[in-house]
Amino acid sequence: MNLLALAFPPTQTGRALWILFAALATLAAVWILQALGYRPCELCLTERYAFYAGAPLAALVAFLGARAATGAARAGLVLLALAFLANAALAGYHAGVEYQLWPGPTACAGAMSAPIDVNDLLKQIQTTPEPRCDEAALRVLGLSLAGWDMAASAALAVYAALAARFAR
């Protein structure tokens, strides 16, 4: 089996399962980083929506492909390509904000955990600095996490678009 056959299985089901695997692996990676203490900013959280929507959509496409509903599966792959393309644009915007290429949103704060009472809320507000969208929490091989998200989302968009071109 050559590399191209491995990357592009002969069925829509196989190609959709690759997208599902990539979406779930990306979500697992950001959840692990969050558990390790890297708090996401508002833009980081928004960038996850494509993966939250893409994983179940890829599972649906895999199901449709297995049921020989090739037209519906191809439409689902096109939707996946569009969702990941939009996310690549958002992640590119976020990376540009982190690299100070343009200003970011004025209100860029992460999600707060629910406090038990008002006193806990006041204490949390006073002691917890909110993550900023214009500061990268982590850089890997010179790229911020937003930069890696842009690359991953663009790759998934291209993959889904190419997968949609196949008839079966």
Protein backbone atom coordinates (compact mmCIF):
# COMPACT_ATOMS: atom_id res chain seq x y z
CA MET A 1 0.00 0.00 0.00
CA ASN A 2 1.49 3.33 -0.98
CA LEU A 3 1.31 6.57 0.96
CA LEU A 4 -1.31 8.15 -1.32
CA ALA A 5 -3.65 5.18 -0.87
CA LEU A 6 -3.18 5.42 2.88
CA ALA A 7 -3.86 9.16 2.96
CA PHE A 8 -6.81 8.94 0.55
CA PRO A 9 -8.69 5.70 1.22
CA PRO A 10 -10.79 4.45 -1.71
CA THR A 11 -14.10 5.26 -0.01
CA GLN A 12 -15.75 8.39 1.31
CA THR A 13 -16.15 6.60 4.62
CA GLY A 14 -12.40 6.18 4.99
CA ARG A 15 -11.68 9.78 4.04
CA ALA A 16 -14.33 11.07 6.46
CA LEU A 17 -12.85 8.91 9.22
CA TRP A 18 -9.45 10.57 8.62
CA ILE A 19 -11.09 13.97 9.11
CA LEU A 20 -12.89 12.74 12.22
CA PHE A 21 -9.62 11.40 13.65
CA ALA A 22 -7.81 14.69 12.94
CA ALA A 23 -10.59 16.79 14.49
CA LEU A 24 -10.72 14.64 17.64
CA ALA A 25 -6.92 14.59 17.94
CA THR A 26 -6.82 18.38 17.70
CA LEU A 27 -9.50 18.75 20.37
CA ALA A 28 -7.69 16.27 22.61
CA ALA A 29 -4.46 18.23 22.22
CA VAL A 30 -6.03 21.56 23.21
CA TRP A 31 -7.88 19.99 26.13
CA ILE A 32 -4.62 18.45 27.38
CA LEU A 33 -2.85 21.81 27.07
CA GLN A 34 -5.70 23.44 28.96
CA ALA A 35 -5.44 20.79 31.69
CA LEU A 36 -1.72 21.55 31.91
CA GLY A 37 -2.52 25.19 32.69
CA TYR A 38 -2.55 26.92 29.30
CA ARG A 39 -5.76 28.92 29.55
CA PRO A 40 -7.37 29.72 26.20
CA CYS A 41 -8.35 33.25 25.25
CA GLU A 42 -11.68 34.18 23.66
CA LEU A 43 -10.36 33.69 20.11
CA CYS A 44 -8.84 30.32 21.02
CA LEU A 45 -12.19 29.12 22.29
CA THR A 46 -13.95 30.39 19.15
CA GLU A 47 -11.45 28.56 16.94
CA ARG A 48 -12.55 25.27 18.50
CA TYR A 49 -16.09 25.56 17.06
CA ALA A 50 -15.01 24.20 13.67
CA PHE A 51 -13.64 21.09 15.38
CA TYR A 52 -16.72 20.71 17.62
CA ALA A 53 -18.93 20.87 14.52
CA GLY A 54 -16.50 19.05 12.23
CA ALA A 55 -16.16 15.88 14.29
CA PRO A 56 -19.85 14.91 14.30
CA LEU A 57 -20.25 16.08 10.69
CA ALA A 58 -17.32 13.86 9.65
CA ALA A 59 -18.93 10.95 11.52
CA LEU A 60 -22.19 11.63 9.65
CA VAL A 61 -20.32 11.75 6.33
CA ALA A 62 -18.65 8.43 7.16
CA PHE A 63 -22.06 6.94 7.91
CA LEU A 64 -23.54 8.32 4.68
CA GLY A 65 -20.58 7.06 2.69
CA ALA A 66 -21.04 3.59 4.14
CA ARG A 67 -24.73 3.71 3.16
CA ALA A 68 -23.81 4.54 -0.46
CA ALA A 69 -25.36 8.02 -0.17
CA THR A 70 -22.46 9.45 -2.14
CA GLY A 71 -24.13 12.74 -3.07
CA ALA A 72 -24.95 13.57 0.54
CA ALA A 73 -21.49 12.47 1.66
CA ARG A 74 -19.86 14.71 -0.95
CA ALA A 75 -22.01 17.63 0.22
CA GLY A 76 -20.90 16.92 3.78
CA LEU A 77 -17.26 16.94 2.71
CA VAL A 78 -17.80 20.32 1.03
CA LEU A 79 -19.34 21.65 4.27
CA LEU A 80 -16.34 20.34 6.19
CA ALA A 81 -13.98 22.06 3.75
CA LEU A 82 -15.83 25.36 4.16
CA ALA A 83 -15.92 25.11 7.96
CA PHE A 84 -12.20 24.42 8.20
CA LEU A 85 -11.39 27.10 5.63
CA ALA A 86 -13.30 29.66 7.71
CA ASN A 87 -11.48 28.46 10.82
CA ALA A 88 -8.13 28.76 9.06
CA ALA A 89 -8.99 32.40 8.29
CA LEU A 90 -9.99 33.04 11.92
CA ALA A 91 -6.82 31.35 13.21
CA GLY A 92 -4.76 33.39 10.75
CA TYR A 93 -6.37 36.55 12.09
CA HIS A 94 -5.58 35.41 15.65
CA ALA A 95 -1.97 34.61 14.74
CA GLY A 96 -1.65 38.07 13.20
CA VAL A 97 -2.93 39.59 16.43
CA GLU A 98 -0.35 37.58 18.41
CA TYR A 99 2.46 38.70 16.11
CA GLN A 100 1.27 42.32 16.45
CA LEU A 101 0.48 42.61 12.72
CA TRP A 102 -2.93 44.16 13.49
CA PRO A 103 -5.00 44.96 16.57
CA GLY A 104 -7.19 42.32 18.10
CA PRO A 105 -10.64 42.54 19.65
CA THR A 106 -10.91 45.02 22.50
CA ALA A 107 -12.66 42.61 24.84
CA CYS A 108 -10.55 39.47 24.70
CA ALA A 109 -11.06 37.44 27.85
CA GLY A 110 -11.38 33.73 28.45
CA ALA A 111 -14.24 31.86 29.98
CA MET A 112 -14.54 31.87 33.76
CA SER A 113 -15.44 28.91 35.88
CA ALA A 114 -18.68 29.30 37.76
CA PRO A 115 -18.06 30.58 41.32
CA ILE A 116 -20.13 29.40 44.25
CA ASP A 117 -21.11 32.85 45.51
CA VAL A 118 -20.53 36.56 44.88
CA ASN A 119 -17.53 36.74 47.21
CA ASP A 120 -15.83 33.93 45.28
CA LEU A 121 -16.58 35.78 42.04
CA LEU A 122 -14.98 38.98 43.33
CA LYS A 123 -11.95 37.09 44.58
CA GLN A 124 -11.58 35.30 41.23
CA ILE A 125 -11.84 38.56 39.27
CA GLN A 126 -9.24 40.23 41.48
CA THR A 127 -6.71 37.40 41.48
CA THR A 128 -7.00 35.76 38.05
CA PRO A 129 -5.63 37.64 35.06
CA GLU A 130 -7.58 36.86 31.92
CA PRO A 131 -5.64 35.42 28.99
CA ARG A 132 -4.99 37.97 26.28
CA CYS A 133 -5.54 37.32 22.61
CA ASP A 134 -2.47 39.30 21.62
CA GLU A 135 -0.01 37.21 23.64
CA ALA A 136 0.79 33.65 22.63
CA ALA A 137 0.56 31.32 25.61
CA LEU A 138 2.87 28.80 23.95
CA ARG A 139 5.03 28.62 20.83
CA VAL A 140 6.07 25.32 19.30
CA LEU A 141 8.83 25.42 16.67
CA GLY A 142 8.33 29.17 16.40
CA LEU A 143 4.59 29.02 15.74
CA SER A 144 1.94 29.99 18.25
CA LEU A 145 -0.96 27.64 18.86
CA ALA A 146 -3.09 29.89 16.64
CA GLY A 147 -0.51 29.46 13.89
CA TRP A 148 -0.64 25.69 14.27
CA ASP A 149 -4.45 25.85 14.26
CA MET A 150 -4.31 27.83 11.02
CA ALA A 151 -2.06 25.18 9.45
CA ALA A 152 -4.18 22.27 10.69
CA SER A 153 -7.45 23.88 9.64
CA ALA A 154 -6.09 24.76 6.20
CA ALA A 155 -4.81 21.21 5.74
CA LEU A 156 -8.19 19.77 6.76
CA ALA A 157 -9.99 22.19 4.41
CA VAL A 158 -7.80 21.13 1.49
CA TYR A 159 -8.15 17.45 2.39
CA ALA A 160 -11.95 17.67 2.64
CA ALA A 161 -12.16 19.59 -0.65
CA LEU A 162 -10.00 16.99 -2.41
CA ALA A 163 -11.99 14.15 -0.82
CA ALA A 164 -15.23 15.70 -2.06
CA ARG A 165 -13.93 15.51 -5.64
CA PHE A 166 -13.92 11.71 -5.56
CA ALA A 167 -17.21 10.15 -6.65
CA ARG A 168 -17.16 7.39 -4.07
